[in-house]
Amino acid sequence: MGNVLTIAALVAIVAFAVYGTVKRIRFGSSCCGQKDPPDKKVKVQDRNKAHYPFRYVLGVDGMHCANCARRIENAFNRTEGRWAKADISKNEVELCSKQEEAEKTLSDIVSQAGYTMVSFTQS
């Protein structure tokens, strides 16, 4: 009887672990607190980098997964004239812009996406 209870407990633990893993794979990492599928990626219409004379590298704190990267890219890419690519391994966002950007404006966009801009470099 004791062995049956032990086996049942182990099966329940394994089932819970598998469910959590499948949920993370399907809906993204839980680091973002997302319980819904991630937002659809906002695609930039003009993908010619020559049309973007202003380039910035933003250090961003709080990006941990692909959902984080997509969220911050979408925050910039929603606006015409901006093209962002996030790199979670470097905690950076490369932003190409058709117009000169103010550091405060970019910091506000990062904050509204739920992250913190820790550095700003114009390249």
N, C-alpha and C. Protein backbone atom coordinates (compact mmCIF):
# COMPACT_ATOMS: atom_id res chain seq x y z
N MET A 1 0.82 -1.19 0.00
CA MET A 1 0.00 0.00 0.00
C MET A 1 0.87 1.26 0.00
N GLY A 2 1.96 1.23 0.77
CA GLY A 2 2.88 2.38 0.84
C GLY A 2 3.56 2.63 -0.49
N ASN A 3 3.92 1.55 -1.19
CA ASN A 3 4.56 1.70 -2.50
C ASN A 3 3.62 2.32 -3.52
N VAL A 4 2.35 1.96 -3.47
CA VAL A 4 1.36 2.50 -4.39
C VAL A 4 1.22 4.00 -4.19
N LEU A 5 1.18 4.45 -2.94
CA LEU A 5 1.07 5.89 -2.65
C LEU A 5 2.32 6.63 -3.11
N THR A 6 3.47 6.04 -2.92
CA THR A 6 4.72 6.66 -3.35
C THR A 6 4.75 6.79 -4.87
N ILE A 7 4.35 5.75 -5.55
CA ILE A 7 4.32 5.79 -7.01
C ILE A 7 3.31 6.82 -7.50
N ALA A 8 2.15 6.87 -6.88
CA ALA A 8 1.12 7.85 -7.26
C ALA A 8 1.64 9.28 -7.05
N ALA A 9 2.34 9.51 -5.96
CA ALA A 9 2.90 10.84 -5.68
C ALA A 9 3.94 11.20 -6.73
N LEU A 10 4.80 10.26 -7.09
CA LEU A 10 5.82 10.52 -8.10
C LEU A 10 5.19 10.80 -9.47
N VAL A 11 4.16 10.06 -9.82
CA VAL A 11 3.46 10.28 -11.09
C VAL A 11 2.85 11.69 -11.10
N ALA A 12 2.26 12.09 -10.00
CA ALA A 12 1.66 13.42 -9.91
C ALA A 12 2.72 14.51 -10.06
N ILE A 13 3.87 14.34 -9.44
CA ILE A 13 4.95 15.33 -9.53
C ILE A 13 5.47 15.41 -10.96
N VAL A 14 5.68 14.28 -11.60
CA VAL A 14 6.17 14.26 -12.98
C VAL A 14 5.14 14.89 -13.91
N ALA A 15 3.86 14.60 -13.72
CA ALA A 15 2.81 15.17 -14.56
C ALA A 15 2.78 16.70 -14.41
N PHE A 16 2.92 17.19 -13.20
CA PHE A 16 2.93 18.63 -12.95
C PHE A 16 4.13 19.28 -13.63
N ALA A 17 5.30 18.65 -13.54
CA ALA A 17 6.51 19.19 -14.17
C ALA A 17 6.38 19.21 -15.69
N VAL A 18 5.85 18.16 -16.25
CA VAL A 18 5.67 18.09 -17.71
C VAL A 18 4.67 19.14 -18.16
N TYR A 19 3.57 19.31 -17.43
CA TYR A 19 2.57 20.32 -17.77
C TYR A 19 3.19 21.72 -17.76
N GLY A 20 3.98 22.02 -16.74
CA GLY A 20 4.63 23.33 -16.65
C GLY A 20 5.60 23.57 -17.80
N THR A 21 6.33 22.54 -18.19
CA THR A 21 7.28 22.66 -19.30
C THR A 21 6.55 22.87 -20.61
N VAL A 22 5.51 22.11 -20.86
CA VAL A 22 4.73 22.25 -22.10
C VAL A 22 4.11 23.64 -22.15
N LYS A 23 3.60 24.12 -21.05
CA LYS A 23 2.99 25.44 -21.00
C LYS A 23 4.02 26.51 -21.34
N ARG A 24 5.25 26.41 -20.79
CA ARG A 24 6.30 27.38 -21.08
C ARG A 24 6.71 27.33 -22.55
N ILE A 25 6.79 26.14 -23.11
CA ILE A 25 7.16 26.01 -24.52
C ILE A 25 6.07 26.62 -25.39
N ARG A 26 4.83 26.36 -25.06
CA ARG A 26 3.71 26.83 -25.88
C ARG A 26 3.49 28.33 -25.74
N PHE A 27 3.55 28.85 -24.53
CA PHE A 27 3.22 30.25 -24.28
C PHE A 27 4.42 31.11 -23.96
N GLY A 28 5.60 30.57 -23.91
CA GLY A 28 6.79 31.35 -23.60
C GLY A 28 7.17 31.21 -22.15
N SER A 29 8.35 31.68 -21.85
CA SER A 29 8.88 31.58 -20.51
C SER A 29 8.00 32.34 -19.52
N SER A 30 7.95 31.85 -18.31
CA SER A 30 7.13 32.51 -17.30
C SER A 30 7.84 33.70 -16.68
N CYS A 31 9.06 34.00 -17.11
CA CYS A 31 9.79 35.12 -16.51
C CYS A 31 9.07 36.44 -16.76
N CYS A 32 8.31 36.52 -17.83
CA CYS A 32 7.61 37.75 -18.18
C CYS A 32 6.28 37.87 -17.45
N GLY A 33 5.88 36.79 -16.81
CA GLY A 33 4.59 36.80 -16.17
C GLY A 33 3.45 36.63 -17.16
N GLN A 34 3.78 36.24 -18.38
CA GLN A 34 2.74 36.07 -19.39
C GLN A 34 1.99 34.78 -19.16
N LYS A 35 0.70 34.89 -19.25
CA LYS A 35 -0.14 33.71 -19.16
C LYS A 35 -0.84 33.45 -20.49
N ASP A 36 -0.72 34.41 -21.41
CA ASP A 36 -1.32 34.30 -22.72
C ASP A 36 -0.22 34.11 -23.76
N PRO A 37 -0.58 33.69 -24.95
CA PRO A 37 0.43 33.58 -26.00
C PRO A 37 1.08 34.93 -26.25
N PRO A 38 2.34 34.95 -26.70
CA PRO A 38 3.02 36.22 -26.92
C PRO A 38 2.37 37.02 -28.04
N ASP A 39 2.61 38.33 -27.99
CA ASP A 39 2.10 39.20 -29.04
C ASP A 39 2.67 38.79 -30.39
N LYS A 40 1.91 39.07 -31.42
CA LYS A 40 2.40 38.82 -32.77
C LYS A 40 3.52 39.81 -33.07
N LYS A 41 4.56 39.35 -33.74
CA LYS A 41 5.70 40.19 -34.04
C LYS A 41 5.29 41.30 -35.00
N VAL A 42 5.67 42.54 -34.65
CA VAL A 42 5.44 43.69 -35.52
C VAL A 42 6.59 43.73 -36.51
N LYS A 43 6.25 43.60 -37.80
CA LYS A 43 7.28 43.59 -38.83
C LYS A 43 7.45 44.98 -39.42
N VAL A 44 8.71 45.36 -39.61
CA VAL A 44 9.05 46.65 -40.19
C VAL A 44 8.86 46.56 -41.70
N GLN A 45 8.20 47.54 -42.27
CA GLN A 45 7.96 47.54 -43.72
C GLN A 45 9.24 47.83 -44.50
N ASP A 46 9.98 48.84 -44.09
CA ASP A 46 11.21 49.24 -44.78
C ASP A 46 12.40 48.54 -44.12
N ARG A 47 12.92 47.50 -44.75
CA ARG A 47 14.01 46.72 -44.18
C ARG A 47 15.35 47.04 -44.83
N ASN A 48 15.45 48.20 -45.45
CA ASN A 48 16.70 48.65 -46.06
C ASN A 48 17.44 49.51 -45.03
N LYS A 49 18.52 48.97 -44.46
CA LYS A 49 19.23 49.70 -43.40
C LYS A 49 19.81 51.03 -43.88
N ALA A 50 20.01 51.17 -45.17
CA ALA A 50 20.53 52.44 -45.70
C ALA A 50 19.55 53.59 -45.49
N HIS A 51 18.28 53.28 -45.30
CA HIS A 51 17.27 54.31 -45.09
C HIS A 51 17.21 54.78 -43.63
N TYR A 52 18.01 54.18 -42.78
CA TYR A 52 18.01 54.50 -41.35
C TYR A 52 19.38 55.09 -40.98
N PRO A 53 19.55 56.41 -41.10
CA PRO A 53 20.87 56.99 -40.85
C PRO A 53 21.28 57.08 -39.38
N PHE A 54 20.34 56.96 -38.46
CA PHE A 54 20.65 57.08 -37.04
C PHE A 54 20.61 55.70 -36.39
N ARG A 55 21.68 55.37 -35.67
CA ARG A 55 21.77 54.06 -35.02
C ARG A 55 22.11 54.25 -33.54
N TYR A 56 21.43 53.46 -32.72
CA TYR A 56 21.59 53.53 -31.27
C TYR A 56 21.74 52.12 -30.71
N VAL A 57 22.51 52.01 -29.65
CA VAL A 57 22.59 50.77 -28.90
C VAL A 57 22.11 51.10 -27.49
N LEU A 58 21.05 50.43 -27.08
CA LEU A 58 20.45 50.67 -25.77
C LEU A 58 20.71 49.48 -24.87
N GLY A 59 21.30 49.71 -23.72
CA GLY A 59 21.42 48.67 -22.72
C GLY A 59 20.10 48.58 -21.98
N VAL A 60 19.55 47.37 -21.90
CA VAL A 60 18.22 47.20 -21.31
C VAL A 60 18.29 46.13 -20.22
N ASP A 61 17.82 46.48 -19.05
CA ASP A 61 17.79 45.55 -17.93
C ASP A 61 16.41 44.91 -17.85
N GLY A 62 16.39 43.59 -17.62
CA GLY A 62 15.13 42.90 -17.41
C GLY A 62 14.72 41.97 -18.53
N MET A 63 15.45 41.96 -19.65
CA MET A 63 15.12 41.03 -20.74
C MET A 63 15.69 39.66 -20.39
N HIS A 64 14.83 38.64 -20.42
CA HIS A 64 15.29 37.30 -20.04
C HIS A 64 15.00 36.22 -21.08
N CYS A 65 14.09 36.50 -22.00
CA CYS A 65 13.67 35.44 -22.92
C CYS A 65 13.25 36.04 -24.25
N ALA A 66 12.87 35.16 -25.17
CA ALA A 66 12.44 35.61 -26.50
C ALA A 66 11.18 36.48 -26.42
N ASN A 67 10.31 36.21 -25.47
CA ASN A 67 9.11 37.05 -25.31
C ASN A 67 9.49 38.46 -24.89
N CYS A 68 10.49 38.57 -24.03
CA CYS A 68 10.96 39.90 -23.62
C CYS A 68 11.51 40.65 -24.83
N ALA A 69 12.32 39.96 -25.63
CA ALA A 69 12.90 40.58 -26.82
C ALA A 69 11.81 41.03 -27.77
N ARG A 70 10.82 40.18 -28.00
CA ARG A 70 9.74 40.54 -28.92
C ARG A 70 8.94 41.73 -28.38
N ARG A 71 8.70 41.76 -27.09
CA ARG A 71 7.92 42.85 -26.51
C ARG A 71 8.62 44.20 -26.72
N ILE A 72 9.93 44.23 -26.49
CA ILE A 72 10.64 45.50 -26.62
C ILE A 72 10.83 45.88 -28.09
N GLU A 73 11.07 44.89 -28.96
CA GLU A 73 11.16 45.17 -30.39
C GLU A 73 9.84 45.75 -30.89
N ASN A 74 8.73 45.14 -30.50
CA ASN A 74 7.41 45.63 -30.92
C ASN A 74 7.16 47.05 -30.44
N ALA A 75 7.62 47.38 -29.25
CA ALA A 75 7.41 48.73 -28.72
C ALA A 75 8.03 49.78 -29.64
N PHE A 76 9.19 49.47 -30.21
CA PHE A 76 9.83 50.40 -31.15
C PHE A 76 9.28 50.26 -32.57
N ASN A 77 9.10 49.03 -33.01
CA ASN A 77 8.73 48.78 -34.41
C ASN A 77 7.31 49.22 -34.75
N ARG A 78 6.48 49.50 -33.76
CA ARG A 78 5.12 49.98 -34.01
C ARG A 78 5.11 51.37 -34.65
N THR A 79 6.19 52.11 -34.41
CA THR A 79 6.29 53.48 -34.92
C THR A 79 7.03 53.48 -36.25
N GLU A 80 6.45 54.08 -37.26
CA GLU A 80 7.09 54.21 -38.58
C GLU A 80 8.42 54.95 -38.42
N GLY A 81 9.43 54.44 -39.08
CA GLY A 81 10.74 55.09 -39.05
C GLY A 81 11.68 54.53 -38.01
N ARG A 82 11.27 53.48 -37.31
CA ARG A 82 12.13 52.82 -36.32
C ARG A 82 12.20 51.33 -36.62
N TRP A 83 13.39 50.77 -36.37
CA TRP A 83 13.60 49.34 -36.56
C TRP A 83 14.49 48.85 -35.44
N ALA A 84 13.96 48.01 -34.57
CA ALA A 84 14.70 47.54 -33.40
C ALA A 84 14.95 46.04 -33.48
N LYS A 85 16.09 45.63 -32.96
CA LYS A 85 16.44 44.22 -32.84
C LYS A 85 17.05 44.03 -31.46
N ALA A 86 16.42 43.20 -30.65
CA ALA A 86 16.89 42.96 -29.28
C ALA A 86 17.78 41.73 -29.23
N ASP A 87 18.80 41.79 -28.40
CA ASP A 87 19.73 40.68 -28.18
C ASP A 87 19.73 40.38 -26.68
N ILE A 88 19.02 39.32 -26.29
CA ILE A 88 18.90 39.03 -24.86
C ILE A 88 20.21 38.56 -24.25
N SER A 89 21.11 37.99 -25.05
CA SER A 89 22.40 37.53 -24.51
C SER A 89 23.28 38.71 -24.10
N LYS A 90 23.10 39.84 -24.75
CA LYS A 90 23.87 41.05 -24.43
C LYS A 90 23.06 42.07 -23.63
N ASN A 91 21.77 41.81 -23.46
CA ASN A 91 20.86 42.78 -22.83
C ASN A 91 20.92 44.12 -23.54
N GLU A 92 20.87 44.05 -24.88
CA GLU A 92 20.94 45.25 -25.68
C GLU A 92 19.85 45.26 -26.75
N VAL A 93 19.52 46.47 -27.17
CA VAL A 93 18.61 46.67 -28.29
C VAL A 93 19.35 47.55 -29.29
N GLU A 94 19.45 47.08 -30.52
CA GLU A 94 20.01 47.90 -31.58
C GLU A 94 18.82 48.57 -32.26
N LEU A 95 18.84 49.88 -32.27
CA LEU A 95 17.73 50.64 -32.85
C LEU A 95 18.25 51.45 -34.03
N CYS A 96 17.61 51.27 -35.17
CA CYS A 96 17.89 52.07 -36.36
C CYS A 96 16.70 53.01 -36.50
N SER A 97 17.01 54.28 -36.82
CA SER A 97 15.94 55.26 -36.91
C SER A 97 16.16 56.17 -38.11
N LYS A 98 15.06 56.62 -38.67
CA LYS A 98 15.12 57.55 -39.80
C LYS A 98 15.27 58.99 -39.33
N GLN A 99 15.10 59.21 -38.03
CA GLN A 99 15.26 60.55 -37.48
C GLN A 99 16.07 60.47 -36.19
N GLU A 100 16.65 61.57 -35.81
CA GLU A 100 17.43 61.60 -34.57
C GLU A 100 16.47 61.42 -33.39
N GLU A 101 16.89 60.63 -32.42
CA GLU A 101 16.05 60.30 -31.26
C GLU A 101 16.65 60.89 -29.99
N ALA A 102 15.79 61.34 -29.10
CA ALA A 102 16.22 61.83 -27.79
C ALA A 102 16.33 60.66 -26.82
N GLU A 103 17.34 60.68 -26.01
CA GLU A 103 17.55 59.62 -25.02
C GLU A 103 16.33 59.44 -24.13
N LYS A 104 15.72 60.52 -23.70
CA LYS A 104 14.55 60.46 -22.82
C LYS A 104 13.38 59.76 -23.51
N THR A 105 13.18 60.04 -24.78
CA THR A 105 12.08 59.41 -25.54
C THR A 105 12.28 57.90 -25.59
N LEU A 106 13.50 57.48 -25.90
CA LEU A 106 13.79 56.05 -25.99
C LEU A 106 13.68 55.38 -24.63
N SER A 107 14.13 56.06 -23.59
CA SER A 107 14.01 55.53 -22.24
C SER A 107 12.55 55.35 -21.84
N ASP A 108 11.70 56.29 -22.23
CA ASP A 108 10.26 56.19 -21.93
C ASP A 108 9.63 54.99 -22.65
N ILE A 109 10.02 54.76 -23.91
CA ILE A 109 9.48 53.63 -24.65
C ILE A 109 9.89 52.31 -24.00
N VAL A 110 11.14 52.23 -23.57
CA VAL A 110 11.63 51.02 -22.89
C VAL A 110 10.86 50.82 -21.58
N SER A 111 10.65 51.90 -20.84
CA SER A 111 9.91 51.81 -19.57
C SER A 111 8.47 51.37 -19.78
N GLN A 112 7.83 51.91 -20.80
CA GLN A 112 6.44 51.53 -21.08
C GLN A 112 6.32 50.07 -21.48
N ALA A 113 7.40 49.51 -22.04
CA ALA A 113 7.41 48.09 -22.40
C ALA A 113 7.65 47.22 -21.17
N GLY A 114 8.05 47.83 -20.05
CA GLY A 114 8.24 47.09 -18.81
C GLY A 114 9.68 46.81 -18.45
N TYR A 115 10.61 47.55 -19.05
CA TYR A 115 12.04 47.32 -18.81
C TYR A 115 12.72 48.63 -18.44
N THR A 116 14.01 48.56 -18.15
CA THR A 116 14.77 49.73 -17.73
C THR A 116 15.95 49.93 -18.67
N MET A 117 16.07 51.14 -19.24
CA MET A 117 17.21 51.44 -20.08
C MET A 117 18.36 51.85 -19.17
N VAL A 118 19.49 51.15 -19.28
CA VAL A 118 20.63 51.41 -18.40
C VAL A 118 21.78 52.08 -19.13
N SER A 119 21.76 52.06 -20.47
CA SER A 119 22.80 52.76 -21.22
C SER A 119 22.26 53.18 -22.57
N PHE A 120 22.91 54.21 -23.13
CA PHE A 120 22.47 54.80 -24.40
C PHE A 120 23.71 55.21 -25.16
N THR A 121 23.90 54.63 -26.34
CA THR A 121 25.04 54.97 -27.18
C THR A 121 24.56 55.21 -28.59
N GLN A 122 24.96 56.34 -29.14
CA GLN A 122 24.65 56.61 -30.54
C GLN A 122 25.86 56.16 -31.35
N SER A 123 25.61 55.31 -32.36
CA SER A 123 26.74 54.81 -33.15
C SER A 123 26.65 55.26 -34.58
